[in-house]
Amino acid sequence: MAVNELLAQLHEVASSPRKQLDKYLAQGKKVVAVAPVYTPQEIIHSMGLVPMGVWGADMEINEAKKYYPAFICSIMQTILELGIKGEYDGVSAIVIPSLCDSLKTLGQNWKYAVKGIPFVPMTYPQNRKPAYGIKFTRAGYARVISDLTVATGAQFSEPALAESIRVYNTHNAVMREFAEIAAEADITAAQRSDVFKSAWFMLPEEHTAIVSRLNEELKAGPKAEGKVRVLVSGILADSPGLLKVLDDNGIKVVFDDVAHESRQYRTDVPDMENPVDALAQKFADMDNCTLLYDRDKKRVDYIMEQAKKHNAQGVIVLMTKFCDPEEFDYVPIKRACEAAGLMNLNIEVDRQMVNYEQANTMIQAFKEMF
């Protein structure tokens, strides 16, 4: 299958999550919504359920304003808005982690605003690496398993989890490979985004099969030339309007440090005797994310290392409006870029944005500096 056909297939999924949900429901499958940022999808998958991502949508917010002030992450607001409006009808439960203050409020508001879909909390420790942190994470997974059993009737088994871990580790590897191939391949920022976004709406084994074929085709295809190579960082980078601005200005995304994209695939579940212990160890092993406690800000060094590795000419930080963790990290990222002689640009993004003219002007000026 040609590259364009595979990309068109993934674009269809990325742009039509409701269609995907209806497809799985028509197949008799039960679907569990997974909110940002790190939900234990392996557990959900192992119970015979379909995990589907919910990251909100570019839309006007009305009903969610009854529960949220204006000065809070629009990803949370639009997730709640879609839930209130029935866009997730048919979903059996929603799992919401508590890695930031906004996510904590999403879970509590969901219980009152969307009564038809049970809320399953996943409480992670910030001190995730010590033995007591791993034990705490494991207890959180036990709670998720228990709540999902009540909400869906599905049963849990360790052998099934071990198999799901294998499926997800395979998907991780394929997605990491895609990120490296896409750095040189002649594909647009919008097409690259479709590959990552579609993963949230498909069973991992189905997505792996398509992206594996895509990787082989891209390896043999033409390479991108004459574009400005950038590393993009942030929580979310899927707005069609913003992606069009990048593509219209000849910006080539050669690597991303985006929570919605590559951050999901960096860390595999290790090989351990007990799969639940292994899953808890995976969370302990994760690093380089604004939502994971990092006193030394090693994420800044990671961004600089990846920018150098991928020959990036600059760093574009897509700053989700009212995201405190991301805002705290921007100053050291900016300083590190300046010390390394890398151009850097900070663009504020919001789920309610409809006009990207200011971003277009900034990126045009950014491009002209090279």
Protein backbone atom coordinates (compact mmCIF):
# COMPACT_ATOMS: atom_id res chain seq x y z
CA MET A 1 0.00 0.00 0.00
CA ALA A 2 1.39 3.40 -0.98
CA VAL A 3 2.44 5.99 1.56
CA ASN A 4 -0.44 8.32 0.72
CA GLU A 5 -3.01 5.55 1.14
CA LEU A 6 -1.65 4.59 4.56
CA LEU A 7 -1.51 8.23 5.66
CA ALA A 8 -5.06 8.80 4.40
CA GLN A 9 -6.22 5.81 6.43
CA LEU A 10 -4.65 7.22 9.59
CA HIS A 11 -5.98 10.70 8.84
CA GLU A 12 -9.50 9.32 8.64
CA VAL A 13 -9.12 7.77 12.09
CA ALA A 14 -7.46 10.87 13.58
CA SER A 15 -10.22 13.15 12.33
CA SER A 16 -13.18 10.86 13.14
CA PRO A 17 -12.84 9.47 16.69
CA ARG A 18 -16.62 9.13 17.06
CA LYS A 19 -16.68 6.91 13.98
CA GLN A 20 -14.02 4.72 15.56
CA LEU A 21 -15.95 4.52 18.81
CA ASP A 22 -19.11 3.49 16.97
CA LYS A 23 -17.16 0.85 15.03
CA TYR A 24 -15.87 -0.81 18.18
CA LEU A 25 -19.28 -0.63 19.84
CA ALA A 26 -20.86 -2.23 16.77
CA GLN A 27 -18.34 -5.07 17.12
CA GLY A 28 -19.65 -5.71 20.61
CA LYS A 29 -16.57 -4.32 22.33
CA LYS A 30 -16.64 -2.20 25.45
CA VAL A 31 -14.65 1.03 25.28
CA VAL A 32 -12.89 2.82 28.14
CA ALA A 33 -11.89 6.46 27.72
CA VAL A 34 -8.36 7.33 28.82
CA ALA A 35 -7.60 10.93 29.78
CA PRO A 36 -4.16 12.56 29.67
CA VAL A 37 -1.42 11.89 30.38
CA TYR A 38 -0.33 8.40 31.45
CA THR A 39 -3.18 5.96 31.95
CA PRO A 40 -2.47 2.21 32.37
CA GLN A 41 -3.74 1.27 28.93
CA GLU A 42 -2.10 -2.14 29.19
CA ILE A 43 -4.48 -3.05 32.04
CA ILE A 44 -7.54 -1.87 30.12
CA HIS A 45 -6.45 -3.76 27.00
CA SER A 46 -5.73 -6.94 28.97
CA MET A 47 -9.31 -7.01 30.27
CA GLY A 48 -10.65 -7.23 26.71
CA LEU A 49 -11.61 -3.55 26.67
CA VAL A 50 -10.70 -0.91 24.08
CA PRO A 51 -8.77 2.08 25.48
CA MET A 52 -9.54 5.28 23.57
CA GLY A 53 -7.86 8.61 24.21
CA VAL A 54 -9.77 11.75 25.18
CA TRP A 55 -7.77 14.98 24.79
CA GLY A 56 -10.64 17.36 24.12
CA ALA A 57 -11.20 19.15 20.84
CA ASP A 58 -10.86 22.55 19.21
CA MET A 59 -14.24 24.02 20.10
CA GLU A 60 -16.15 26.72 21.95
CA ILE A 61 -16.74 25.99 25.62
CA ASN A 62 -20.18 26.55 27.10
CA GLU A 63 -21.46 23.91 29.54
CA ALA A 64 -18.06 23.25 31.13
CA LYS A 65 -17.95 26.89 32.26
CA LYS A 66 -20.45 25.94 34.96
CA TYR A 67 -17.74 23.80 36.53
CA TYR A 68 -14.50 25.55 35.58
CA PRO A 69 -13.14 29.09 35.77
CA ALA A 70 -11.81 30.56 32.53
CA PHE A 71 -8.19 30.34 33.72
CA ILE A 72 -7.68 26.59 33.52
CA CYS A 73 -6.34 24.23 30.86
CA SER A 74 -8.70 24.10 27.89
CA ILE A 75 -7.90 20.42 27.32
CA MET A 76 -9.66 19.63 30.61
CA GLN A 77 -12.49 22.01 29.83
CA THR A 78 -13.20 20.56 26.40
CA ILE A 79 -13.03 16.96 27.67
CA LEU A 80 -15.75 17.85 30.17
CA GLU A 81 -17.68 19.83 27.53
CA LEU A 82 -17.71 16.82 25.18
CA GLY A 83 -18.76 14.55 28.02
CA ILE A 84 -21.66 16.79 29.02
CA LYS A 85 -22.81 17.04 25.39
CA GLY A 86 -22.90 13.27 24.97
CA GLU A 87 -19.99 12.90 22.56
CA TYR A 88 -18.65 10.00 24.64
CA ASP A 89 -21.98 8.19 24.94
CA GLY A 90 -21.41 4.45 24.68
CA VAL A 91 -18.16 4.54 26.64
CA SER A 92 -18.24 2.20 29.66
CA ALA A 93 -15.92 4.22 31.94
CA ILE A 94 -13.28 6.94 31.92
CA VAL A 95 -9.88 6.63 33.61
CA ILE A 96 -8.42 9.96 34.71
CA PRO A 97 -4.94 10.21 36.26
CA SER A 98 -4.07 12.90 38.79
CA LEU A 99 -0.68 14.18 37.66
CA CYS A 100 -1.59 17.87 37.76
CA ASP A 101 -4.09 20.07 39.59
CA SER A 102 -6.27 20.43 36.49
CA LEU A 103 -6.55 16.66 36.07
CA LYS A 104 -7.56 16.33 39.72
CA THR A 105 -10.43 18.75 39.17
CA LEU A 106 -11.47 16.99 35.95
CA GLY A 107 -12.13 13.77 37.82
CA GLN A 108 -14.16 15.45 40.53
CA ASN A 109 -16.18 17.54 38.08
CA TRP A 110 -16.79 14.52 35.86
CA LYS A 111 -18.55 12.68 38.70
CA TYR A 112 -21.19 15.41 38.88
CA ALA A 113 -21.40 16.58 35.28
CA VAL A 114 -21.34 13.25 33.39
CA LYS A 115 -23.16 10.78 35.59
CA GLY A 116 -23.71 8.18 32.87
CA ILE A 117 -20.02 7.32 32.49
CA PRO A 118 -18.27 6.06 35.65
CA PHE A 119 -15.09 7.89 36.69
CA VAL A 120 -12.13 5.64 37.53
CA PRO A 121 -9.28 7.51 39.27
CA MET A 122 -5.63 6.61 38.78
CA THR A 123 -3.63 8.25 41.54
CA TYR A 124 0.09 8.35 40.81
CA PRO A 125 2.81 9.35 43.28
CA GLN A 126 5.15 12.16 42.36
CA ASN A 127 7.97 10.40 44.23
CA ARG A 128 7.65 7.51 41.83
CA LYS A 129 11.15 5.98 41.93
CA PRO A 130 11.64 4.84 45.58
CA ALA A 131 10.23 1.46 46.64
CA TYR A 132 7.36 3.15 48.49
CA GLY A 133 6.46 5.09 45.34
CA ILE A 134 6.38 1.92 43.25
CA LYS A 135 4.21 0.26 45.91
CA PHE A 136 1.84 3.25 45.79
CA THR A 137 1.60 3.01 41.99
CA ARG A 138 0.84 -0.70 42.21
CA ALA A 139 -1.96 0.01 44.68
CA GLY A 140 -3.36 2.56 42.22
CA TYR A 141 -3.43 -0.08 39.50
CA ALA A 142 -5.26 -2.47 41.82
CA ARG A 143 -7.89 0.22 42.32
CA VAL A 144 -8.24 0.70 38.55
CA ILE A 145 -8.66 -3.05 38.03
CA SER A 146 -11.32 -3.25 40.73
CA ASP A 147 -13.24 -0.21 39.45
CA LEU A 148 -13.13 -1.40 35.84
CA THR A 149 -14.46 -4.79 36.86
CA VAL A 150 -17.41 -3.10 38.57
CA ALA A 151 -18.02 -0.69 35.67
CA THR A 152 -17.68 -3.17 32.79
CA GLY A 153 -17.94 -6.69 34.18
CA ALA A 154 -14.60 -7.49 32.57
CA GLN A 155 -12.19 -9.75 34.44
CA PHE A 156 -8.47 -9.30 35.02
CA SER A 157 -5.74 -11.91 34.74
CA GLU A 158 -1.97 -11.61 35.00
CA PRO A 159 -1.26 -13.78 31.91
CA ALA A 160 -3.52 -11.51 29.83
CA LEU A 161 -1.70 -8.44 31.18
CA ALA A 162 1.64 -9.98 30.27
CA GLU A 163 0.43 -10.41 26.68
CA SER A 164 -0.94 -6.85 26.54
CA ILE A 165 2.41 -5.56 27.79
CA ARG A 166 4.05 -7.35 24.88
CA VAL A 167 1.56 -5.73 22.46
CA TYR A 168 2.19 -2.25 23.87
CA ASN A 169 5.96 -2.60 23.96
CA THR A 170 5.84 -3.63 20.29
CA HIS A 171 3.72 -0.57 19.50
CA ASN A 172 6.14 1.65 21.42
CA ALA A 173 9.04 0.38 19.31
CA VAL A 174 7.17 0.96 16.05
CA MET A 175 6.22 4.50 17.08
CA ARG A 176 9.78 5.33 18.12
CA GLU A 177 10.96 4.04 14.76
CA PHE A 178 8.36 6.18 12.99
CA ALA A 179 9.54 9.29 14.83
CA GLU A 180 13.09 8.71 13.62
CA ILE A 181 12.06 7.94 10.04
CA ALA A 182 9.69 10.92 9.91
CA ALA A 183 12.59 13.21 10.85
CA GLU A 184 14.00 12.74 7.35
CA ALA A 185 11.03 11.59 5.28
CA ASP A 186 9.13 13.89 2.95
CA ILE A 187 5.94 14.14 4.98
CA THR A 188 4.19 17.19 6.39
CA ALA A 189 3.73 18.20 10.02
CA ALA A 190 0.01 17.49 9.61
CA GLN A 191 0.66 13.98 8.30
CA ARG A 192 3.12 13.31 11.10
CA SER A 193 0.52 14.45 13.62
CA ASP A 194 -2.10 12.11 12.13
CA VAL A 195 0.12 9.09 12.82
CA PHE A 196 0.41 9.98 16.51
CA LYS A 197 -3.17 11.17 16.96
CA SER A 198 -4.73 8.11 15.31
CA ALA A 199 -2.97 5.87 17.85
CA TRP A 200 -5.30 7.20 20.54
CA PHE A 201 -8.38 5.88 18.73
CA MET A 202 -7.23 2.42 17.61
CA LEU A 203 -6.36 -0.84 19.27
CA PRO A 204 -2.55 -0.92 19.50
CA GLU A 205 -2.19 -4.09 17.44
CA GLU A 206 -4.23 -2.52 14.62
CA HIS A 207 -2.22 0.69 14.71
CA THR A 208 1.09 -1.20 14.85
CA ALA A 209 0.23 -3.11 11.68
CA ILE A 210 -0.46 0.08 9.69
CA VAL A 211 2.49 2.10 11.02
CA SER A 212 4.88 -0.82 10.44
CA ARG A 213 3.93 -0.80 6.75
CA LEU A 214 4.16 2.98 6.67
CA ASN A 215 7.67 2.88 8.13
CA GLU A 216 8.86 0.53 5.40
CA GLU A 217 7.37 2.71 2.68
CA LEU A 218 8.84 5.91 4.15
CA LYS A 219 12.30 4.36 4.39
CA ALA A 220 12.27 3.76 0.66
CA GLY A 221 10.65 7.08 -0.21
CA PRO A 222 12.02 10.58 -0.88
CA LYS A 223 13.66 12.68 1.83
CA ALA A 224 12.68 16.18 2.89
CA GLU A 225 14.93 18.97 1.64
CA GLY A 226 15.19 22.71 2.07
CA LYS A 227 13.12 23.00 5.24
CA VAL A 228 13.87 24.50 8.65
CA ARG A 229 14.47 21.63 11.07
CA VAL A 230 12.87 22.09 14.50
CA LEU A 231 12.21 20.23 17.71
CA VAL A 232 8.68 20.84 18.99
CA SER A 233 7.86 20.63 22.70
CA GLY A 234 4.61 20.91 24.64
CA ILE A 235 1.52 19.07 25.80
CA LEU A 236 -0.48 19.03 22.58
CA ALA A 237 0.33 19.84 18.94
CA ASP A 238 -2.61 18.56 16.90
CA SER A 239 -4.46 21.72 15.85
CA PRO A 240 -5.02 21.64 12.06
CA GLY A 241 -4.69 25.44 11.90
CA LEU A 242 -1.33 25.46 13.62
CA LEU A 243 -0.02 22.48 11.66
CA LYS A 244 -0.97 24.26 8.43
CA VAL A 245 1.06 27.27 9.57
CA LEU A 246 4.10 25.04 10.12
CA ASP A 247 3.70 23.39 6.73
CA ASP A 248 3.04 26.64 4.86
CA ASN A 249 6.26 28.07 6.28
CA GLY A 250 8.44 25.07 5.44
CA ILE A 251 8.95 23.95 9.04
CA LYS A 252 10.10 20.34 9.41
CA VAL A 253 9.44 18.63 12.75
CA VAL A 254 12.47 16.40 13.24
CA PHE A 255 11.66 15.40 16.81
CA ASP A 256 8.99 16.09 19.39
CA ASP A 257 8.85 16.34 23.15
CA VAL A 258 5.06 16.43 23.13
CA ALA A 259 2.96 14.70 25.79
CA HIS A 260 0.31 13.70 23.23
CA GLU A 261 2.97 12.26 20.92
CA SER A 262 6.43 10.80 21.55
CA ARG A 263 6.43 11.08 25.34
CA GLN A 264 3.95 8.20 25.36
CA TYR A 265 6.38 5.79 23.73
CA ARG A 266 9.75 6.44 25.36
CA THR A 267 9.55 3.89 28.14
CA ASP A 268 8.79 0.18 27.79
CA VAL A 269 7.48 -2.10 30.51
CA PRO A 270 10.47 -4.12 31.79
CA ASP A 271 10.56 -7.91 31.81
CA MET A 272 9.63 -8.99 35.34
CA GLU A 273 7.99 -12.06 36.83
CA ASN A 274 4.84 -10.22 37.91
CA PRO A 275 3.31 -8.05 35.16
CA VAL A 276 1.62 -5.62 37.58
CA ASP A 277 4.96 -5.06 39.31
CA ALA A 278 6.52 -4.53 35.87
CA LEU A 279 3.89 -1.93 34.96
CA ALA A 280 4.54 -0.07 38.21
CA GLN A 281 8.27 -0.18 37.49
CA LYS A 282 7.63 1.34 34.07
CA PHE A 283 6.09 4.41 35.69
CA ALA A 284 9.07 4.65 38.04
CA ASP A 285 11.41 4.53 35.04
CA MET A 286 9.68 7.36 33.18
CA ASP A 287 11.37 10.76 33.02
CA ASN A 288 11.67 14.02 31.07
CA CYS A 289 8.09 15.24 31.35
CA THR A 290 6.67 18.35 32.97
CA LEU A 291 4.05 16.27 34.77
CA LEU A 292 6.62 13.98 36.40
CA TYR A 293 8.50 15.29 39.43
CA ASP A 294 12.03 16.26 38.43
CA ARG A 295 13.86 18.44 40.93
CA ASP A 296 16.93 18.74 38.69
CA LYS A 297 15.00 19.59 35.49
CA LYS A 298 16.78 16.87 33.50
CA ARG A 299 14.11 17.33 30.84
CA VAL A 300 15.94 20.47 29.69
CA ASP A 301 19.11 18.48 29.04
CA TYR A 302 17.06 15.84 27.24
CA ILE A 303 15.59 18.43 24.87
CA MET A 304 19.03 19.82 24.12
CA GLU A 305 20.42 16.33 23.49
CA GLN A 306 17.61 15.44 21.10
CA ALA A 307 17.89 18.77 19.28
CA LYS A 308 21.59 18.10 18.71
CA LYS A 309 21.05 14.45 17.74
CA HIS A 310 18.44 15.39 15.13
CA ASN A 311 20.29 18.44 13.77
CA ALA A 312 17.49 20.76 14.80
CA GLN A 313 18.05 24.41 13.94
CA GLY A 314 15.59 25.61 16.54
CA VAL A 315 13.11 24.70 19.26
CA ILE A 316 9.43 25.64 19.17
CA VAL A 317 7.63 25.42 22.50
CA LEU A 318 3.85 25.15 22.11
CA MET A 319 2.72 26.49 25.45
CA THR A 320 -0.71 25.24 26.47
CA LYS A 321 -2.48 28.24 27.98
CA PHE A 322 -2.77 28.09 31.78
CA CYS A 323 -0.56 24.98 32.02
CA ASP A 324 1.54 25.80 35.08
CA PRO A 325 3.97 22.84 34.82
CA GLU A 326 4.88 23.76 31.24
CA GLU A 327 5.24 27.44 32.11
CA PHE A 328 7.66 26.65 34.94
CA ASP A 329 9.87 24.67 32.54
CA TYR A 330 10.01 27.26 29.76
CA VAL A 331 12.57 29.60 31.35
CA PRO A 332 15.30 26.94 31.74
CA ILE A 333 14.53 25.64 28.23
CA LYS A 334 14.93 29.16 26.81
CA ARG A 335 18.21 29.66 28.66
CA ALA A 336 19.54 26.30 27.48
CA CYS A 337 18.64 27.10 23.86
CA GLU A 338 20.43 30.45 24.08
CA ALA A 339 23.51 28.82 25.60
CA ALA A 340 23.53 26.23 22.80
CA GLY A 341 23.01 28.83 20.06
CA LEU A 342 19.59 27.41 19.15
CA MET A 343 16.78 29.65 18.00
CA ASN A 344 13.71 29.23 20.20
CA LEU A 345 10.12 30.32 19.92
CA ASN A 346 7.26 30.19 22.44
CA ILE A 347 3.74 30.01 20.96
CA GLU A 348 0.71 29.96 23.26
CA VAL A 349 -1.95 27.46 22.17
CA ASP A 350 -5.48 26.89 23.37
CA ARG A 351 -8.32 24.54 22.43
CA GLN A 352 -10.53 27.57 21.80
CA MET A 353 -8.20 29.27 19.32
CA VAL A 354 -9.70 29.80 15.87
CA ASN A 355 -7.16 32.23 14.43
CA TYR A 356 -3.45 31.47 14.11
CA GLU A 357 -2.43 34.68 12.36
CA GLN A 358 -0.24 35.76 15.26
CA ALA A 359 1.45 32.35 15.31
CA ASN A 360 1.92 32.59 11.55
CA THR A 361 3.65 35.96 11.90
CA MET A 362 5.91 34.64 14.64
CA ILE A 363 6.87 31.54 12.66
CA GLN A 364 7.52 33.59 9.52
CA ALA A 365 9.92 35.78 11.50
CA PHE A 366 11.44 32.67 13.08
CA LYS A 367 12.07 31.14 9.65
CA GLU A 368 13.66 34.32 8.30
CA MET A 369 16.34 34.15 11.00
CA PHE A 370 17.94 31.16 9.25
